[in-house]
Every structure is written in structure tokens, then in C-alpha cells.
N, C-alpha and C. Protein backbone atom coordinates (compact mmCIF):
# COMPACT_ATOMS: atom_id res chain seq x y z
N MET A 1 33.02 -12.38 21.17
CA MET A 1 32.52 -11.00 21.18
C MET A 1 32.30 -10.48 19.76
N ILE A 2 33.19 -10.77 18.84
CA ILE A 2 33.05 -10.32 17.45
C ILE A 2 31.82 -10.95 16.81
N ASN A 3 31.62 -12.22 17.05
CA ASN A 3 30.47 -12.91 16.47
C ASN A 3 29.16 -12.33 16.98
N VAL A 4 29.12 -11.98 18.26
CA VAL A 4 27.91 -11.41 18.84
C VAL A 4 27.59 -10.08 18.17
N ASN A 5 28.59 -9.24 17.97
CA ASN A 5 28.36 -7.95 17.34
C ASN A 5 27.90 -8.09 15.90
N LYS A 6 28.46 -9.03 15.18
CA LYS A 6 28.03 -9.26 13.81
C LYS A 6 26.58 -9.71 13.79
N ARG A 7 26.23 -10.59 14.70
CA ARG A 7 24.86 -11.10 14.76
C ARG A 7 23.87 -9.99 15.06
N ARG A 8 24.32 -9.04 15.88
CA ARG A 8 23.43 -7.98 16.31
C ARG A 8 23.14 -6.99 15.18
N HIS A 9 24.06 -6.84 14.25
CA HIS A 9 23.94 -5.75 13.27
C HIS A 9 23.70 -6.22 11.84
N TRP A 10 23.42 -7.51 11.63
CA TRP A 10 23.31 -7.95 10.24
C TRP A 10 22.02 -7.51 9.56
N PHE A 11 20.98 -7.18 10.34
CA PHE A 11 19.71 -6.77 9.74
C PHE A 11 19.70 -5.25 9.63
N LYS A 12 19.92 -4.74 8.41
CA LYS A 12 20.10 -3.30 8.22
C LYS A 12 19.24 -2.77 7.08
N PHE A 13 18.93 -1.47 7.15
CA PHE A 13 18.24 -0.76 6.08
C PHE A 13 19.09 0.44 5.67
N SER A 14 19.23 0.65 4.37
CA SER A 14 19.92 1.85 3.90
C SER A 14 18.91 3.00 3.81
N LYS A 15 19.41 4.23 3.76
CA LYS A 15 18.53 5.39 3.61
C LYS A 15 17.75 5.32 2.30
N GLU A 16 18.41 4.87 1.24
CA GLU A 16 17.74 4.75 -0.05
C GLU A 16 16.61 3.73 0.01
N GLU A 17 16.85 2.63 0.68
CA GLU A 17 15.82 1.60 0.80
C GLU A 17 14.62 2.10 1.59
N ILE A 18 14.87 2.81 2.68
CA ILE A 18 13.77 3.36 3.48
C ILE A 18 12.93 4.30 2.64
N LYS A 19 13.59 5.11 1.81
CA LYS A 19 12.87 6.03 0.92
C LYS A 19 11.97 5.26 -0.04
N HIS A 20 12.48 4.18 -0.61
CA HIS A 20 11.70 3.38 -1.55
C HIS A 20 10.55 2.65 -0.85
N LEU A 21 10.77 2.18 0.36
CA LEU A 21 9.71 1.52 1.12
C LEU A 21 8.58 2.50 1.44
N LEU A 22 8.93 3.71 1.88
CA LEU A 22 7.92 4.71 2.21
C LEU A 22 7.16 5.16 0.97
N MET A 23 7.87 5.30 -0.15
CA MET A 23 7.22 5.67 -1.40
C MET A 23 6.18 4.63 -1.80
N SER A 24 6.55 3.37 -1.71
CA SER A 24 5.64 2.29 -2.08
C SER A 24 4.49 2.17 -1.10
N TRP A 25 4.79 2.33 0.19
CA TRP A 25 3.74 2.29 1.22
C TRP A 25 2.70 3.37 0.94
N PHE A 26 3.15 4.58 0.63
CA PHE A 26 2.22 5.67 0.34
C PHE A 26 1.41 5.38 -0.92
N GLY A 27 2.09 4.93 -1.99
CA GLY A 27 1.40 4.66 -3.25
C GLY A 27 0.36 3.57 -3.14
N ILE A 28 0.69 2.49 -2.45
CA ILE A 28 -0.25 1.38 -2.28
C ILE A 28 -1.43 1.81 -1.42
N SER A 29 -1.15 2.56 -0.35
CA SER A 29 -2.22 3.04 0.52
C SER A 29 -3.16 3.97 -0.23
N LEU A 30 -2.61 4.83 -1.08
CA LEU A 30 -3.43 5.73 -1.89
C LEU A 30 -4.28 4.95 -2.87
N ALA A 31 -3.69 3.95 -3.52
CA ALA A 31 -4.44 3.14 -4.49
C ALA A 31 -5.61 2.43 -3.82
N TYR A 32 -5.38 1.87 -2.64
CA TYR A 32 -6.45 1.15 -1.94
C TYR A 32 -7.52 2.13 -1.44
N THR A 33 -7.09 3.33 -1.06
CA THR A 33 -8.05 4.36 -0.66
C THR A 33 -8.97 4.72 -1.82
N ILE A 34 -8.40 4.92 -2.99
CA ILE A 34 -9.18 5.24 -4.19
C ILE A 34 -10.14 4.11 -4.51
N LEU A 35 -9.66 2.88 -4.42
CA LEU A 35 -10.50 1.71 -4.70
C LEU A 35 -11.67 1.65 -3.73
N THR A 36 -11.41 1.89 -2.46
CA THR A 36 -12.46 1.85 -1.44
C THR A 36 -13.48 2.95 -1.67
N MET A 37 -13.03 4.14 -2.03
CA MET A 37 -13.94 5.26 -2.23
C MET A 37 -14.76 5.13 -3.51
N ARG A 38 -14.30 4.29 -4.45
CA ARG A 38 -15.10 4.01 -5.65
C ARG A 38 -16.30 3.15 -5.29
N GLY A 39 -16.13 2.34 -4.24
CA GLY A 39 -17.21 1.45 -3.83
C GLY A 39 -18.10 2.12 -2.81
N LYS A 40 -18.64 1.33 -1.91
CA LYS A 40 -19.60 1.85 -0.95
C LYS A 40 -19.10 1.71 0.49
N GLY A 41 -17.79 1.47 0.61
CA GLY A 41 -17.25 1.21 1.94
C GLY A 41 -17.20 2.43 2.84
N LEU A 42 -17.27 3.66 2.28
CA LEU A 42 -17.14 4.85 3.09
C LEU A 42 -18.38 5.74 3.01
N GLU A 43 -19.55 5.16 2.80
CA GLU A 43 -20.78 5.94 2.76
C GLU A 43 -21.02 6.58 4.12
N GLY A 44 -21.55 7.78 4.12
CA GLY A 44 -21.81 8.49 5.36
C GLY A 44 -20.71 9.48 5.71
N PHE A 45 -19.60 9.42 5.01
CA PHE A 45 -18.50 10.36 5.20
C PHE A 45 -18.55 11.43 4.11
N SER A 46 -18.14 12.66 4.47
CA SER A 46 -17.91 13.66 3.44
C SER A 46 -16.68 13.23 2.65
N PHE A 47 -16.46 13.87 1.50
CA PHE A 47 -15.32 13.46 0.68
C PHE A 47 -14.00 13.61 1.45
N THR A 48 -13.84 14.75 2.14
CA THR A 48 -12.58 14.99 2.86
C THR A 48 -12.39 14.00 3.99
N LEU A 49 -13.43 13.81 4.81
CA LEU A 49 -13.33 12.85 5.91
C LEU A 49 -13.15 11.43 5.38
N GLY A 50 -13.85 11.14 4.28
CA GLY A 50 -13.72 9.81 3.67
C GLY A 50 -12.30 9.56 3.19
N LEU A 51 -11.69 10.60 2.60
CA LEU A 51 -10.32 10.47 2.11
C LEU A 51 -9.34 10.25 3.27
N ILE A 52 -9.51 11.04 4.33
CA ILE A 52 -8.62 10.92 5.48
C ILE A 52 -8.79 9.57 6.16
N PHE A 53 -10.05 9.20 6.42
CA PHE A 53 -10.31 7.92 7.08
C PHE A 53 -9.87 6.75 6.20
N GLY A 54 -10.20 6.85 4.92
CA GLY A 54 -9.84 5.77 4.00
C GLY A 54 -8.34 5.57 3.90
N PHE A 55 -7.60 6.67 3.83
CA PHE A 55 -6.14 6.55 3.73
C PHE A 55 -5.56 5.99 5.02
N THR A 56 -6.11 6.41 6.16
CA THR A 56 -5.63 5.89 7.44
C THR A 56 -5.83 4.39 7.53
N VAL A 57 -7.04 3.94 7.15
CA VAL A 57 -7.33 2.50 7.16
C VAL A 57 -6.41 1.76 6.20
N SER A 58 -6.24 2.33 5.01
CA SER A 58 -5.38 1.69 4.00
C SER A 58 -3.94 1.58 4.49
N ALA A 59 -3.45 2.64 5.10
CA ALA A 59 -2.07 2.63 5.59
C ALA A 59 -1.88 1.58 6.68
N MET A 60 -2.94 1.36 7.49
CA MET A 60 -2.86 0.40 8.59
C MET A 60 -3.08 -1.04 8.14
N THR A 61 -3.66 -1.23 6.97
CA THR A 61 -4.02 -2.59 6.54
C THR A 61 -3.17 -3.05 5.36
N VAL A 62 -3.47 -2.54 4.18
CA VAL A 62 -2.68 -2.95 3.01
C VAL A 62 -1.26 -2.38 3.08
N GLY A 63 -1.12 -1.15 3.61
CA GLY A 63 0.20 -0.55 3.71
C GLY A 63 1.12 -1.33 4.63
N ILE A 64 0.63 -1.66 5.82
CA ILE A 64 1.42 -2.45 6.77
C ILE A 64 1.65 -3.85 6.23
N GLY A 65 0.63 -4.42 5.58
CA GLY A 65 0.79 -5.75 5.00
C GLY A 65 1.89 -5.79 3.96
N PHE A 66 1.94 -4.76 3.11
CA PHE A 66 3.00 -4.67 2.10
C PHE A 66 4.37 -4.53 2.75
N LEU A 67 4.49 -3.60 3.71
CA LEU A 67 5.78 -3.35 4.35
C LEU A 67 6.34 -4.60 5.02
N LEU A 68 5.50 -5.27 5.81
CA LEU A 68 5.97 -6.44 6.53
C LEU A 68 6.25 -7.61 5.59
N HIS A 69 5.50 -7.70 4.49
CA HIS A 69 5.75 -8.72 3.48
C HIS A 69 7.17 -8.57 2.91
N GLU A 70 7.51 -7.35 2.52
CA GLU A 70 8.83 -7.11 1.92
C GLU A 70 9.95 -7.22 2.96
N ILE A 71 9.69 -6.73 4.16
CA ILE A 71 10.69 -6.82 5.22
C ILE A 71 10.95 -8.28 5.60
N ALA A 72 9.91 -9.11 5.53
CA ALA A 72 10.10 -10.54 5.82
C ALA A 72 11.03 -11.19 4.79
N HIS A 73 10.85 -10.84 3.51
CA HIS A 73 11.78 -11.33 2.48
C HIS A 73 13.20 -10.88 2.80
N LYS A 74 13.34 -9.61 3.11
CA LYS A 74 14.67 -9.04 3.39
C LYS A 74 15.31 -9.72 4.59
N TYR A 75 14.53 -9.91 5.64
CA TYR A 75 15.04 -10.52 6.87
C TYR A 75 15.60 -11.91 6.59
N MET A 76 14.83 -12.73 5.88
CA MET A 76 15.27 -14.09 5.60
C MET A 76 16.51 -14.10 4.71
N ALA A 77 16.53 -13.22 3.71
CA ALA A 77 17.68 -13.18 2.80
C ALA A 77 18.94 -12.77 3.54
N GLN A 78 18.83 -11.74 4.38
CA GLN A 78 20.00 -11.30 5.13
C GLN A 78 20.40 -12.33 6.18
N LYS A 79 19.44 -13.05 6.69
CA LYS A 79 19.74 -14.13 7.64
C LYS A 79 20.63 -15.19 6.99
N TYR A 80 20.41 -15.41 5.69
CA TYR A 80 21.22 -16.38 4.95
C TYR A 80 22.52 -15.78 4.41
N GLY A 81 22.82 -14.55 4.82
CA GLY A 81 24.09 -13.94 4.45
C GLY A 81 24.09 -13.20 3.13
N CYS A 82 22.91 -12.93 2.58
CA CYS A 82 22.82 -12.23 1.29
C CYS A 82 22.66 -10.73 1.49
N TRP A 83 23.06 -9.97 0.47
CA TRP A 83 22.70 -8.56 0.41
C TRP A 83 21.26 -8.50 -0.09
N ALA A 84 20.42 -7.72 0.58
CA ALA A 84 19.01 -7.66 0.19
C ALA A 84 18.45 -6.28 0.48
N GLU A 85 17.92 -5.63 -0.55
CA GLU A 85 17.29 -4.32 -0.38
C GLU A 85 16.08 -4.19 -1.29
N PHE A 86 15.08 -3.48 -0.78
CA PHE A 86 13.86 -3.23 -1.56
C PHE A 86 14.06 -2.03 -2.46
N ARG A 87 13.54 -2.15 -3.69
CA ARG A 87 13.51 -1.03 -4.62
C ARG A 87 12.12 -0.91 -5.22
N ALA A 88 11.60 0.30 -5.20
CA ALA A 88 10.26 0.56 -5.73
C ALA A 88 10.29 0.58 -7.26
N ASP A 89 9.15 0.24 -7.85
CA ASP A 89 8.95 0.36 -9.30
C ASP A 89 7.91 1.45 -9.50
N LYS A 90 8.36 2.65 -9.85
CA LYS A 90 7.46 3.80 -9.93
C LYS A 90 6.37 3.60 -10.97
N SER A 91 6.70 2.98 -12.09
CA SER A 91 5.70 2.77 -13.14
C SER A 91 4.59 1.84 -12.65
N MET A 92 4.95 0.81 -11.88
CA MET A 92 3.95 -0.12 -11.36
C MET A 92 3.11 0.52 -10.26
N LEU A 93 3.72 1.43 -9.50
CA LEU A 93 2.95 2.16 -8.50
C LEU A 93 1.90 3.05 -9.17
N LEU A 94 2.31 3.74 -10.22
CA LEU A 94 1.36 4.58 -10.97
C LEU A 94 0.27 3.74 -11.61
N MET A 95 0.64 2.56 -12.10
CA MET A 95 -0.34 1.65 -12.68
C MET A 95 -1.35 1.19 -11.63
N ALA A 96 -0.87 0.90 -10.43
CA ALA A 96 -1.76 0.47 -9.35
C ALA A 96 -2.79 1.55 -9.04
N ILE A 97 -2.33 2.80 -8.96
CA ILE A 97 -3.23 3.92 -8.68
C ILE A 97 -4.23 4.10 -9.82
N ALA A 98 -3.75 4.02 -11.07
CA ALA A 98 -4.62 4.18 -12.23
C ALA A 98 -5.65 3.07 -12.32
N MET A 99 -5.24 1.83 -12.08
CA MET A 99 -6.18 0.71 -12.14
C MET A 99 -7.22 0.79 -11.05
N ALA A 100 -6.81 1.25 -9.86
CA ALA A 100 -7.77 1.43 -8.77
C ALA A 100 -8.80 2.49 -9.13
N ALA A 101 -8.34 3.56 -9.79
CA ALA A 101 -9.23 4.68 -10.12
C ALA A 101 -10.15 4.38 -11.28
N PHE A 102 -9.64 3.71 -12.32
CA PHE A 102 -10.41 3.56 -13.56
C PHE A 102 -10.94 2.16 -13.82
N ALA A 103 -10.31 1.16 -13.23
CA ALA A 103 -10.75 -0.22 -13.47
C ALA A 103 -11.39 -0.85 -12.25
N GLY A 104 -11.24 -0.21 -11.09
CA GLY A 104 -11.83 -0.77 -9.89
C GLY A 104 -11.18 -2.07 -9.45
N PHE A 105 -9.89 -2.20 -9.72
CA PHE A 105 -9.16 -3.42 -9.38
C PHE A 105 -7.79 -3.04 -8.84
N LEU A 106 -7.37 -3.73 -7.78
CA LEU A 106 -6.09 -3.42 -7.17
C LEU A 106 -5.04 -4.44 -7.59
N PHE A 107 -4.07 -3.97 -8.36
CA PHE A 107 -2.95 -4.81 -8.78
C PHE A 107 -1.70 -4.30 -8.09
N ILE A 108 -1.16 -5.11 -7.17
CA ILE A 108 -0.05 -4.65 -6.34
C ILE A 108 1.24 -5.32 -6.77
N ALA A 109 2.10 -4.56 -7.41
CA ALA A 109 3.45 -5.03 -7.73
C ALA A 109 4.36 -3.81 -7.69
N PRO A 110 4.51 -3.22 -6.49
CA PRO A 110 5.17 -1.91 -6.37
C PRO A 110 6.68 -1.95 -6.41
N GLY A 111 7.25 -3.12 -6.47
CA GLY A 111 8.69 -3.26 -6.44
C GLY A 111 9.06 -4.62 -5.89
N ALA A 112 10.30 -4.77 -5.51
CA ALA A 112 10.74 -6.08 -5.02
C ALA A 112 12.00 -5.93 -4.17
N VAL A 113 12.25 -6.96 -3.38
CA VAL A 113 13.51 -7.05 -2.65
C VAL A 113 14.54 -7.70 -3.57
N TYR A 114 15.57 -6.98 -3.89
CA TYR A 114 16.64 -7.51 -4.75
C TYR A 114 17.70 -8.17 -3.88
N ILE A 115 18.08 -9.37 -4.28
CA ILE A 115 18.97 -10.19 -3.46
C ILE A 115 20.22 -10.56 -4.25
N HIS A 116 21.37 -10.43 -3.61
CA HIS A 116 22.63 -10.86 -4.20
C HIS A 116 23.35 -11.79 -3.22
N GLY A 117 23.80 -12.90 -3.74
CA GLY A 117 24.49 -13.87 -2.90
C GLY A 117 24.11 -15.28 -3.34
N HIS A 118 24.80 -16.25 -2.80
CA HIS A 118 24.53 -17.64 -3.15
C HIS A 118 23.29 -18.12 -2.40
N VAL A 119 22.26 -18.50 -3.16
CA VAL A 119 21.01 -18.96 -2.56
C VAL A 119 20.61 -20.29 -3.20
N THR A 120 20.44 -21.31 -2.39
CA THR A 120 19.99 -22.60 -2.90
C THR A 120 18.50 -22.55 -3.18
N THR A 121 17.97 -23.58 -3.84
CA THR A 121 16.53 -23.65 -4.11
C THR A 121 15.74 -23.64 -2.81
N GLU A 122 16.25 -24.35 -1.80
CA GLU A 122 15.56 -24.39 -0.51
C GLU A 122 15.55 -23.02 0.16
N LYS A 123 16.69 -22.36 0.19
CA LYS A 123 16.76 -21.05 0.82
C LYS A 123 15.91 -20.04 0.06
N ASN A 124 15.93 -20.11 -1.27
CA ASN A 124 15.11 -19.20 -2.07
C ASN A 124 13.63 -19.43 -1.80
N GLY A 125 13.25 -20.70 -1.63
CA GLY A 125 11.87 -21.02 -1.30
C GLY A 125 11.47 -20.46 0.05
N LYS A 126 12.35 -20.57 1.02
CA LYS A 126 12.04 -20.06 2.37
C LYS A 126 12.00 -18.54 2.39
N ILE A 127 12.91 -17.91 1.65
CA ILE A 127 12.88 -16.44 1.54
C ILE A 127 11.56 -15.99 0.92
N SER A 128 11.13 -16.70 -0.12
CA SER A 128 9.88 -16.36 -0.80
C SER A 128 8.66 -16.63 0.08
N LEU A 129 8.69 -17.73 0.82
CA LEU A 129 7.57 -18.09 1.69
C LEU A 129 7.36 -17.06 2.80
N ALA A 130 8.42 -16.41 3.23
CA ALA A 130 8.33 -15.47 4.34
C ALA A 130 7.31 -14.37 4.08
N GLY A 131 7.19 -13.91 2.82
CA GLY A 131 6.26 -12.83 2.50
C GLY A 131 4.80 -13.23 2.65
N PRO A 132 4.32 -14.23 1.88
CA PRO A 132 2.92 -14.66 2.02
C PRO A 132 2.59 -15.16 3.42
N ALA A 133 3.52 -15.85 4.06
CA ALA A 133 3.28 -16.35 5.42
C ALA A 133 3.05 -15.18 6.38
N THR A 134 3.81 -14.11 6.20
CA THR A 134 3.63 -12.92 7.02
C THR A 134 2.25 -12.32 6.82
N ASN A 135 1.79 -12.24 5.56
CA ASN A 135 0.45 -11.71 5.29
C ASN A 135 -0.64 -12.57 5.92
N LEU A 136 -0.47 -13.88 5.90
CA LEU A 136 -1.46 -14.77 6.52
C LEU A 136 -1.49 -14.58 8.04
N ILE A 137 -0.33 -14.38 8.64
CA ILE A 137 -0.27 -14.13 10.09
C ILE A 137 -0.94 -12.80 10.41
N ILE A 138 -0.67 -11.77 9.61
CA ILE A 138 -1.31 -10.47 9.82
C ILE A 138 -2.82 -10.60 9.67
N ALA A 139 -3.26 -11.34 8.65
CA ALA A 139 -4.70 -11.56 8.43
C ALA A 139 -5.32 -12.22 9.65
N LEU A 140 -4.65 -13.21 10.21
CA LEU A 140 -5.16 -13.91 11.38
C LEU A 140 -5.26 -12.98 12.58
N VAL A 141 -4.27 -12.11 12.75
CA VAL A 141 -4.30 -11.14 13.85
C VAL A 141 -5.50 -10.20 13.69
N PHE A 142 -5.73 -9.71 12.47
CA PHE A 142 -6.88 -8.84 12.22
C PHE A 142 -8.19 -9.59 12.47
N LEU A 143 -8.26 -10.86 12.10
CA LEU A 143 -9.46 -11.65 12.32
C LEU A 143 -9.78 -11.74 13.81
N VAL A 144 -8.78 -12.01 14.62
CA VAL A 144 -8.97 -12.11 16.07
C VAL A 144 -9.40 -10.76 16.65
N ILE A 145 -8.76 -9.68 16.20
CA ILE A 145 -9.12 -8.35 16.67
C ILE A 145 -10.58 -8.05 16.33
N GLY A 146 -11.00 -8.39 15.12
CA GLY A 146 -12.37 -8.15 14.70
C GLY A 146 -13.39 -8.92 15.52
N ILE A 147 -12.99 -10.09 16.00
CA ILE A 147 -13.90 -10.92 16.80
C ILE A 147 -14.03 -10.41 18.23
N ILE A 148 -12.91 -10.00 18.82
CA ILE A 148 -12.92 -9.69 20.25
C ILE A 148 -13.21 -8.22 20.56
N MET A 149 -13.04 -7.32 19.59
CA MET A 149 -13.23 -5.90 19.87
C MET A 149 -14.66 -5.47 19.56
N PRO A 150 -15.30 -4.72 20.47
CA PRO A 150 -16.70 -4.33 20.26
C PRO A 150 -16.89 -3.13 19.33
N SER A 151 -15.89 -2.28 19.19
CA SER A 151 -16.02 -1.06 18.40
C SER A 151 -16.26 -1.38 16.92
N GLN A 152 -17.27 -0.73 16.34
CA GLN A 152 -17.59 -0.96 14.93
C GLN A 152 -16.50 -0.43 14.00
N ILE A 153 -15.86 0.66 14.39
CA ILE A 153 -14.78 1.20 13.57
C ILE A 153 -13.60 0.22 13.56
N ILE A 154 -13.27 -0.30 14.73
CA ILE A 154 -12.17 -1.28 14.80
C ILE A 154 -12.52 -2.53 14.02
N LYS A 155 -13.79 -2.95 14.11
CA LYS A 155 -14.23 -4.13 13.34
C LYS A 155 -14.10 -3.88 11.84
N TYR A 156 -14.41 -2.66 11.40
CA TYR A 156 -14.28 -2.32 9.98
C TYR A 156 -12.81 -2.38 9.55
N ILE A 157 -11.94 -1.78 10.37
CA ILE A 157 -10.51 -1.80 10.06
C ILE A 157 -9.99 -3.23 10.06
N ALA A 158 -10.40 -4.01 11.06
CA ALA A 158 -9.95 -5.40 11.16
C ALA A 158 -10.44 -6.23 9.98
N SER A 159 -11.69 -6.00 9.56
CA SER A 159 -12.23 -6.72 8.41
C SER A 159 -11.45 -6.39 7.14
N SER A 160 -11.15 -5.09 6.96
CA SER A 160 -10.36 -4.68 5.80
C SER A 160 -8.97 -5.30 5.84
N GLY A 161 -8.36 -5.29 7.02
CA GLY A 161 -7.02 -5.85 7.17
C GLY A 161 -7.00 -7.34 6.90
N PHE A 162 -8.02 -8.04 7.37
CA PHE A 162 -8.09 -9.48 7.14
C PHE A 162 -8.25 -9.78 5.65
N GLN A 163 -9.18 -9.09 5.00
CA GLN A 163 -9.47 -9.35 3.60
C GLN A 163 -8.27 -9.05 2.69
N ILE A 164 -7.66 -7.89 2.87
CA ILE A 164 -6.59 -7.49 1.95
C ILE A 164 -5.34 -8.31 2.17
N ASN A 165 -5.02 -8.66 3.42
CA ASN A 165 -3.82 -9.46 3.66
C ASN A 165 -4.01 -10.91 3.22
N SER A 166 -5.23 -11.42 3.33
CA SER A 166 -5.51 -12.76 2.81
C SER A 166 -5.33 -12.77 1.29
N TRP A 167 -5.85 -11.73 0.64
CA TRP A 167 -5.73 -11.63 -0.82
C TRP A 167 -4.27 -11.44 -1.24
N LEU A 168 -3.52 -10.62 -0.49
CA LEU A 168 -2.11 -10.40 -0.81
C LEU A 168 -1.32 -11.72 -0.74
N ALA A 169 -1.60 -12.51 0.28
CA ALA A 169 -0.91 -13.79 0.42
C ALA A 169 -1.22 -14.70 -0.76
N LEU A 170 -2.50 -14.80 -1.11
CA LEU A 170 -2.91 -15.69 -2.20
C LEU A 170 -2.39 -15.18 -3.55
N PHE A 171 -2.46 -13.88 -3.77
CA PHE A 171 -1.99 -13.28 -5.02
C PHE A 171 -0.51 -13.58 -5.25
N ASN A 172 0.27 -13.50 -4.20
CA ASN A 172 1.71 -13.74 -4.33
C ASN A 172 2.07 -15.20 -4.50
N MET A 173 1.10 -16.10 -4.37
CA MET A 173 1.35 -17.52 -4.57
C MET A 173 1.14 -17.95 -6.01
N ILE A 174 0.89 -16.99 -6.92
CA ILE A 174 0.78 -17.31 -8.35
C ILE A 174 2.07 -18.01 -8.78
N PRO A 175 1.96 -19.19 -9.41
CA PRO A 175 3.15 -20.01 -9.68
C PRO A 175 3.83 -19.75 -11.02
N PHE A 176 4.07 -18.49 -11.35
CA PHE A 176 4.84 -18.19 -12.56
C PHE A 176 5.46 -16.80 -12.43
N GLY A 177 6.27 -16.45 -13.45
CA GLY A 177 6.91 -15.14 -13.44
C GLY A 177 7.88 -15.01 -12.28
N ASN A 178 7.86 -13.85 -11.64
CA ASN A 178 8.76 -13.60 -10.51
C ASN A 178 8.01 -13.61 -9.19
N PHE A 179 6.80 -14.19 -9.19
CA PHE A 179 6.01 -14.25 -7.97
C PHE A 179 6.63 -15.23 -6.98
N ASP A 180 6.27 -15.05 -5.71
CA ASP A 180 6.78 -15.94 -4.67
C ASP A 180 6.39 -17.39 -4.92
N GLY A 181 5.20 -17.58 -5.46
CA GLY A 181 4.65 -18.93 -5.62
C GLY A 181 5.55 -19.88 -6.38
N ILE A 182 6.13 -19.43 -7.49
CA ILE A 182 6.93 -20.33 -8.32
C ILE A 182 8.19 -20.77 -7.58
N LYS A 183 8.76 -19.90 -6.78
CA LYS A 183 9.98 -20.25 -6.03
C LYS A 183 9.67 -21.23 -4.91
N ILE A 184 8.51 -21.03 -4.28
CA ILE A 184 8.09 -21.96 -3.22
C ILE A 184 7.77 -23.32 -3.81
N LEU A 185 7.09 -23.33 -4.96
CA LEU A 185 6.72 -24.58 -5.62
C LEU A 185 7.95 -25.38 -6.02
N ARG A 186 8.96 -24.70 -6.53
CA ARG A 186 10.20 -25.38 -6.91
C ARG A 186 10.90 -26.02 -5.71
N TRP A 187 10.72 -25.40 -4.56
CA TRP A 187 11.38 -25.90 -3.34
C TRP A 187 10.60 -27.04 -2.70
N ASN A 188 9.29 -26.81 -2.47
CA ASN A 188 8.51 -27.81 -1.73
C ASN A 188 7.04 -27.72 -2.16
N LYS A 189 6.59 -28.72 -2.91
CA LYS A 189 5.24 -28.73 -3.44
C LYS A 189 4.20 -28.77 -2.34
N ASN A 190 4.44 -29.55 -1.29
CA ASN A 190 3.47 -29.69 -0.20
C ASN A 190 3.27 -28.37 0.55
N ILE A 191 4.37 -27.68 0.82
CA ILE A 191 4.26 -26.38 1.50
C ILE A 191 3.56 -25.37 0.60
N TYR A 192 3.84 -25.43 -0.69
CA TYR A 192 3.16 -24.54 -1.64
C TYR A 192 1.65 -24.77 -1.59
N LEU A 193 1.23 -26.03 -1.70
CA LEU A 193 -0.20 -26.36 -1.72
C LEU A 193 -0.87 -25.99 -0.40
N ALA A 194 -0.18 -26.21 0.72
CA ALA A 194 -0.75 -25.87 2.02
C ALA A 194 -0.95 -24.37 2.16
N THR A 195 0.03 -23.59 1.68
CA THR A 195 -0.07 -22.13 1.77
C THR A 195 -1.18 -21.61 0.88
N VAL A 196 -1.30 -22.16 -0.33
CA VAL A 196 -2.39 -21.78 -1.23
C VAL A 196 -3.74 -22.12 -0.62
N ALA A 197 -3.84 -23.29 -0.01
CA ALA A 197 -5.10 -23.72 0.60
C ALA A 197 -5.52 -22.78 1.72
N ILE A 198 -4.57 -22.37 2.55
CA ILE A 198 -4.88 -21.43 3.62
C ILE A 198 -5.29 -20.08 3.03
N GLY A 199 -4.59 -19.64 1.98
CA GLY A 199 -4.93 -18.39 1.32
C GLY A 199 -6.34 -18.41 0.75
N ILE A 200 -6.72 -19.52 0.11
CA ILE A 200 -8.07 -19.66 -0.44
C ILE A 200 -9.10 -19.67 0.68
N LEU A 201 -8.80 -20.40 1.76
CA LEU A 201 -9.71 -20.46 2.91
C LEU A 201 -9.95 -19.08 3.49
N PHE A 202 -8.88 -18.33 3.70
CA PHE A 202 -9.01 -16.99 4.29
C PHE A 202 -9.71 -16.03 3.33
N THR A 203 -9.41 -16.13 2.04
CA THR A 203 -9.93 -15.16 1.06
C THR A 203 -11.39 -15.40 0.71
N PHE A 204 -11.78 -16.66 0.57
CA PHE A 204 -13.11 -16.96 0.03
C PHE A 204 -14.07 -17.66 0.99
N VAL A 205 -13.57 -18.16 2.11
CA VAL A 205 -14.44 -18.95 3.00
C VAL A 205 -14.69 -18.25 4.33
N VAL A 206 -13.64 -17.82 5.00
CA VAL A 206 -13.78 -17.24 6.34
C VAL A 206 -14.55 -15.92 6.29
């Protein structure tokens, strides 16, 4: 009975972590909205409607992709018995918004899941893989939705969701610094190469 209860409650979020996740979700969604409105993706909308529609799409695509990416890291880390919580980086969030507005480029590094506990190279690789793998799964779901749904608005949302989540997965596979890619590469080269290949396929071919 004790073991069952422990198993049931090991996946937890603190109030502080939820605040940081929501802050980052809002900041990333705003940055992607600005980036989209700089381009031609929202032609035909007034500024106000474009802002509302653009933010809604961003929150459903890049925002959800970011949240599930970080939650996947947290889930795997806590599954291995580690303390794991997300913390936002306010300066990087502001940089993302500024770069979207003035450079027309989206650089997403809004924070990270901080982990404490004993983690082997294999476990660290699997924790890191959970994020990009989640984005690829989300991208695939959006791709299927875009194919089977007749609504043009849904197709637009699905296309945006597919593109941004494919890019998020590939971006996080960069093999240096504190990116997921270097940790996955240290653990298993074949899995790293396969994940990168799928990311390239989704981002540049499909």
C-alpha cells in the first residue's frame, strides 16, 4: 500500500514552478506572435484580430510544444528519483521577444528543468531525449490533423504546429553547450543521429 501511494504522487509541480512555466509559455507565445505578424502569415486580419488570432495560434503550437517539452524532461527525471523543477530565464525570454521583433528570428531558450540527484550518462541521455522526442510526436500529430481536417483555419494551425515543433526538436539537438543534443550524443550516438535525421526530415522535407 505504501509503495502504491508513493508511485501515485511522485510526479509533482510546485506553485513556483507553475508560475515559471506560465511565464515562459506566455513569453514564447508572444515572441512567436510578433514573429508571425512581421511576416505575411496573418494578412487579411486587422491588427487587433491578427494579434488575438496570432497569439491563440502561438499558444496552441509553440506554447504547448514548449510546455510539453519541459514537462517531458521533468517527468523522466522524477521517474528516476531526482528532484526536477523548471525555472524561467527572464533575460532570455526578453531576448526572444526582442529578436522576434527586430531580427525576425525566434531563439527559444526560456529556461530549463533543473535536476538534482544521481544520474548516469544513460539516464541523463534519456531525460534529455524526452524533450525533442515529445516535440517530434506533437509535430506528427499536427501533421495528421492538417491532412485529415477540411477547415482551412485548422490546417493553418496544424501547419504552424508541425513546423515549429519540428524546428524545436531539431534546434534542441545541437550537440554542444547545455542543449539536449550533447547529452544524448554522449549516451547513444545512433539514437542521436536517428533523432537528428527525423528532425531534418520534418523540418526541411515534409
